[in-house]
Amino acid sequence: MKLDAASKLPERARRVQLLKILDELMSQNLKALVFSQLIKILHLIETDVRPRG
């Protein structure tokens, strides 16, 4: 999904899309660095990602 299209999605849908991307990267044993202007969003993402390993 292009970033332009992702920016038009609601917040939860963007997180779901991010999790799909992160799952794909993790399946290839790759890492990702996620940036956000809002710490609250990073905490939500951390809550979603931490159980995945």
PDB file of N, CA and C in Angstrom:
ATOM      1  N   MET A   1       0.847  -1.167   0.000  1.00  0.00           N
ATOM      2  CA  MET A   1       0.000   0.000   0.000  1.00  0.00           C
ATOM      3  C   MET A   1       0.894   1.233   0.000  1.00  0.00           C
ATOM      4  N   LYS A   2       0.590   2.178  -0.830  1.00  0.00           N
ATOM      5  CA  LYS A   2       1.366   3.410  -0.887  1.00  0.00           C
ATOM      6  C   LYS A   2       1.069   4.262   0.341  1.00  0.00           C
ATOM      7  N   LEU A   3       2.021   5.096   0.710  1.00  0.00           N
ATOM      8  CA  LEU A   3       1.844   5.943   1.883  1.00  0.00           C
ATOM      9  C   LEU A   3       0.686   6.911   1.716  1.00  0.00           C
ATOM     10  N   ASP A   4       0.468   7.423   0.510  1.00  0.00           N
ATOM     11  CA  ASP A   4      -0.639   8.348   0.274  1.00  0.00           C
ATOM     12  C   ASP A   4      -1.969   7.685   0.597  1.00  0.00           C
ATOM     13  N   ALA A   5      -2.138   6.453   0.162  1.00  0.00           N
ATOM     14  CA  ALA A   5      -3.380   5.728   0.419  1.00  0.00           C
ATOM     15  C   ALA A   5      -3.518   5.418   1.902  1.00  0.00           C
ATOM     16  N   ALA A   6      -2.425   5.071   2.552  1.00  0.00           N
ATOM     17  CA  ALA A   6      -2.468   4.735   3.978  1.00  0.00           C
ATOM     18  C   ALA A   6      -2.833   5.943   4.828  1.00  0.00           C
ATOM     19  N   SER A   7      -2.435   7.124   4.416  1.00  0.00           N
ATOM     20  CA  SER A   7      -2.718   8.319   5.213  1.00  0.00           C
ATOM     21  C   SER A   7      -4.199   8.661   5.233  1.00  0.00           C
ATOM     22  N   LYS A   8      -4.980   8.114   4.310  1.00  0.00           N
ATOM     23  CA  LYS A   8      -6.412   8.386   4.257  1.00  0.00           C
ATOM     24  C   LYS A   8      -7.228   7.379   5.062  1.00  0.00           C
ATOM     25  N   LEU A   9      -6.568   6.345   5.600  1.00  0.00           N
ATOM     26  CA  LEU A   9      -7.259   5.335   6.392  1.00  0.00           C
ATOM     27  C   LEU A   9      -7.444   5.827   7.821  1.00  0.00           C
ATOM     28  N   PRO A  10      -8.479   5.325   8.520  1.00  0.00           N
ATOM     29  CA  PRO A  10      -8.620   5.653   9.939  1.00  0.00           C
ATOM     30  C   PRO A  10      -7.430   5.109  10.732  1.00  0.00           C
ATOM     31  N   GLU A  11      -7.211   5.658  11.917  1.00  0.00           N
ATOM     32  CA  GLU A  11      -6.032   5.289  12.720  1.00  0.00           C
ATOM     33  C   GLU A  11      -5.922   3.786  12.927  1.00  0.00           C
ATOM     34  N   ARG A  12      -6.999   3.115  13.305  1.00  0.00           N
ATOM     35  CA  ARG A  12      -6.947   1.667  13.566  1.00  0.00           C
ATOM     36  C   ARG A  12      -6.572   0.902  12.296  1.00  0.00           C
ATOM     37  N   ALA A  13      -7.121   1.314  11.169  1.00  0.00           N
ATOM     38  CA  ALA A  13      -6.814   0.636   9.904  1.00  0.00           C
ATOM     39  C   ALA A  13      -5.342   0.812   9.538  1.00  0.00           C
ATOM     40  N   ARG A  14      -4.786   1.976   9.841  1.00  0.00           N
ATOM     41  CA  ARG A  14      -3.353   2.192   9.576  1.00  0.00           C
ATOM     42  C   ARG A  14      -2.506   1.287  10.462  1.00  0.00           C
ATOM     43  N   ARG A  15      -2.917   1.125  11.716  1.00  0.00           N
ATOM     44  CA  ARG A  15      -2.176   0.225  12.610  1.00  0.00           C
ATOM     45  C   ARG A  15      -2.261  -1.207  12.127  1.00  0.00           C
ATOM     46  N   VAL A  16      -3.425  -1.627  11.668  1.00  0.00           N
ATOM     47  CA  VAL A  16      -3.580  -2.990  11.146  1.00  0.00           C
ATOM     48  C   VAL A  16      -2.667  -3.181   9.940  1.00  0.00           C
ATOM     49  N   GLN A  17      -2.628  -2.208   9.052  1.00  0.00           N
ATOM     50  CA  GLN A  17      -1.762  -2.288   7.874  1.00  0.00           C
ATOM     51  C   GLN A  17      -0.293  -2.331   8.291  1.00  0.00           C
ATOM     52  N   LEU A  18       0.080  -1.517   9.266  1.00  0.00           N
ATOM     53  CA  LEU A  18       1.454  -1.530   9.770  1.00  0.00           C
ATOM     54  C   LEU A  18       1.795  -2.898  10.343  1.00  0.00           C
ATOM     55  N   LEU A  19       0.879  -3.499  11.088  1.00  0.00           N
ATOM     56  CA  LEU A  19       1.128  -4.825  11.667  1.00  0.00           C
ATOM     57  C   LEU A  19       1.318  -5.879  10.585  1.00  0.00           C
ATOM     58  N   LYS A  20       0.573  -5.768   9.499  1.00  0.00           N
ATOM     59  CA  LYS A  20       0.754  -6.700   8.381  1.00  0.00           C
ATOM     60  C   LYS A  20       2.161  -6.560   7.795  1.00  0.00           C
ATOM     61  N   ILE A  21       2.591  -5.319   7.628  1.00  0.00           N
ATOM     62  CA  ILE A  21       3.930  -5.068   7.089  1.00  0.00           C
ATOM     63  C   ILE A  21       4.990  -5.595   8.050  1.00  0.00           C
ATOM     64  N   LEU A  22       4.816  -5.331   9.340  1.00  0.00           N
ATOM     65  CA  LEU A  22       5.788  -5.799  10.328  1.00  0.00           C
ATOM     66  C   LEU A  22       5.817  -7.320  10.402  1.00  0.00           C
ATOM     67  N   ASP A  23       4.649  -7.958  10.312  1.00  0.00           N
ATOM     68  CA  ASP A  23       4.603  -9.428  10.300  1.00  0.00           C
ATOM     69  C   ASP A  23       5.385  -9.988   9.115  1.00  0.00           C
ATOM     70  N   GLU A  24       5.225  -9.345   7.958  1.00  0.00           N
ATOM     71  CA  GLU A  24       5.943  -9.782   6.755  1.00  0.00           C
ATOM     72  C   GLU A  24       7.453  -9.636   6.952  1.00  0.00           C
ATOM     73  N   LEU A  25       7.873  -8.513   7.505  1.00  0.00           N
ATOM     74  CA  LEU A  25       9.299  -8.299   7.757  1.00  0.00           C
ATOM     75  C   LEU A  25       9.838  -9.309   8.764  1.00  0.00           C
ATOM     76  N   MET A  26       9.074  -9.560   9.823  1.00  0.00           N
ATOM     77  CA  MET A  26       9.508 -10.507  10.852  1.00  0.00           C
ATOM     78  C   MET A  26       9.595 -11.923  10.297  1.00  0.00           C
ATOM     79  N   SER A  27       8.705 -12.265   9.368  1.00  0.00           N
ATOM     80  CA  SER A  27       8.752 -13.603   8.772  1.00  0.00           C
ATOM     81  C   SER A  27      10.022 -13.798   7.942  1.00  0.00           C
ATOM     82  N   GLN A  28      10.605 -12.689   7.488  1.00  0.00           N
ATOM     83  CA  GLN A  28      11.854 -12.733   6.728  1.00  0.00           C
ATOM     84  C   GLN A  28      13.064 -12.468   7.632  1.00  0.00           C
ATOM     85  N   ASN A  29      12.801 -12.449   8.947  1.00  0.00           N
ATOM     86  CA  ASN A  29      13.845 -12.212   9.939  1.00  0.00           C
ATOM     87  C   ASN A  29      14.489 -10.833   9.772  1.00  0.00           C
ATOM     88  N   LEU A  30      13.685  -9.858   9.347  1.00  0.00           N
ATOM     89  CA  LEU A  30      14.142  -8.482   9.189  1.00  0.00           C
ATOM     90  C   LEU A  30      13.612  -7.638  10.340  1.00  0.00           C
ATOM     91  N   LYS A  31      14.165  -6.454  10.488  1.00  0.00           N
ATOM     92  CA  LYS A  31      13.744  -5.538  11.543  1.00  0.00           C
ATOM     93  C   LYS A  31      13.228  -4.253  10.915  1.00  0.00           C
ATOM     94  N   ALA A  32      12.472  -3.498  11.714  1.00  0.00           N
ATOM     95  CA  ALA A  32      11.943  -2.221  11.245  1.00  0.00           C
ATOM     96  C   ALA A  32      12.058  -1.195  12.360  1.00  0.00           C
ATOM     97  N   LEU A  33      12.193   0.036  11.975  1.00  0.00           N
ATOM     98  CA  LEU A  33      12.213   1.149  12.908  1.00  0.00           C
ATOM     99  C   LEU A  33      10.986   1.996  12.596  1.00  0.00           C
ATOM    100  N   VAL A  34      10.128   2.188  13.586  1.00  0.00           N
ATOM    101  CA  VAL A  34       8.861   2.897  13.383  1.00  0.00           C
ATOM    102  C   VAL A  34       8.946   4.255  14.074  1.00  0.00           C
ATOM    103  N   PHE A  35       8.637   5.298  13.334  1.00  0.00           N
ATOM    104  CA  PHE A  35       8.628   6.657  13.860  1.00  0.00           C
ATOM    105  C   PHE A  35       7.199   7.165  13.927  1.00  0.00           C
ATOM    106  N   SER A  36       6.936   8.013  14.905  1.00  0.00           N
ATOM    107  CA  SER A  36       5.653   8.696  15.001  1.00  0.00           C
ATOM    108  C   SER A  36       5.875  10.012  15.728  1.00  0.00           C
ATOM    109  N   GLN A  37       5.054  10.990  15.415  1.00  0.00           N
ATOM    110  CA  GLN A  37       5.121  12.257  16.135  1.00  0.00           C
ATOM    111  C   GLN A  37       4.417  12.156  17.481  1.00  0.00           C
ATOM    112  N   LEU A  38       3.595  11.134  17.657  1.00  0.00           N
ATOM    113  CA  LEU A  38       2.811  10.989  18.881  1.00  0.00           C
ATOM    114  C   LEU A  38       3.260   9.763  19.669  1.00  0.00           C
ATOM    115  N   ILE A  39       3.704   9.981  20.884  1.00  0.00           N
ATOM    116  CA  ILE A  39       4.145   8.871  21.731  1.00  0.00           C
ATOM    117  C   ILE A  39       2.985   7.924  22.013  1.00  0.00           C
ATOM    118  N   LYS A  40       1.781   8.463  22.135  1.00  0.00           N
ATOM    119  CA  LYS A  40       0.592   7.635  22.384  1.00  0.00           C
ATOM    120  C   LYS A  40       0.444   6.561  21.306  1.00  0.00           C
ATOM    121  N   ILE A  41       0.657   6.940  20.067  1.00  0.00           N
ATOM    122  CA  ILE A  41       0.546   5.991  18.954  1.00  0.00           C
ATOM    123  C   ILE A  41       1.634   4.926  19.058  1.00  0.00           C
ATOM    124  N   LEU A  42       2.842   5.333  19.419  1.00  0.00           N
ATOM    125  CA  LEU A  42       3.926   4.360  19.572  1.00  0.00           C
ATOM    126  C   LEU A  42       3.615   3.356  20.678  1.00  0.00           C
ATOM    127  N   HIS A  43       2.991   3.817  21.757  1.00  0.00           N
ATOM    128  CA  HIS A  43       2.601   2.897  22.833  1.00  0.00           C
ATOM    129  C   HIS A  43       1.541   1.911  22.344  1.00  0.00           C
ATOM    130  N   LEU A  44       0.593   2.383  21.548  1.00  0.00           N
ATOM    131  CA  LEU A  44      -0.429   1.489  20.993  1.00  0.00           C
ATOM    132  C   LEU A  44       0.202   0.448  20.074  1.00  0.00           C
ATOM    133  N   ILE A  45       1.119   0.890  19.238  1.00  0.00           N
ATOM    134  CA  ILE A  45       1.809  -0.029  18.326  1.00  0.00           C
ATOM    135  C   ILE A  45       2.626  -1.040  19.129  1.00  0.00           C
ATOM    136  N   GLU A  46       3.299  -0.560  20.168  1.00  0.00           N
ATOM    137  CA  GLU A  46       4.081  -1.471  21.015  1.00  0.00           C
ATOM    138  C   GLU A  46       3.178  -2.539  21.632  1.00  0.00           C
ATOM    139  N   THR A  47       1.997  -2.130  22.092  1.00  0.00           N
ATOM    140  CA  THR A  47       1.036  -3.075  22.669  1.00  0.00           C
ATOM    141  C   THR A  47       0.618  -4.123  21.644  1.00  0.00           C
ATOM    142  N   ASP A  48       0.494  -3.713  20.396  1.00  0.00           N
ATOM    143  CA  ASP A  48       0.120  -4.647  19.327  1.00  0.00           C
ATOM    144  C   ASP A  48       1.275  -5.574  18.948  1.00  0.00           C
ATOM    145  N   VAL A  49       2.490  -5.046  18.942  1.00  0.00           N
ATOM    146  CA  VAL A  49       3.648  -5.778  18.418  1.00  0.00           C
ATOM    147  C   VAL A  49       4.295  -6.693  19.457  1.00  0.00           C
ATOM    148  N   ARG A  50       4.343  -6.266  20.687  1.00  0.00           N
ATOM    149  CA  ARG A  50       5.075  -7.018  21.721  1.00  0.00           C
ATOM    150  C   ARG A  50       4.663  -8.490  21.799  1.00  0.00           C
ATOM    151  N   PRO A  51       3.372  -8.846  21.771  1.00  0.00           N
ATOM    152  CA  PRO A  51       3.013 -10.276  21.820  1.00  0.00           C
ATOM    153  C   PRO A  51       3.513 -11.076  20.609  1.00  0.00           C
ATOM    154  N   ARG A  52       3.793 -10.391  19.515  1.00  0.00           N
ATOM    155  CA  ARG A  52       4.259 -11.074  18.302  1.00  0.00           C
ATOM    156  C   ARG A  52       5.740 -11.444  18.384  1.00  0.00           C
ATOM    157  N   GLY A  53       6.433 -10.867  19.341  1.00  0.00           N
ATOM    158  CA  GLY A  53       7.853 -11.183  19.510  1.00  0.00           C
ATOM    159  C   GLY A  53       8.689 -10.094  18.982  1.00  0.00           C
TER     160      GLY A  53
END
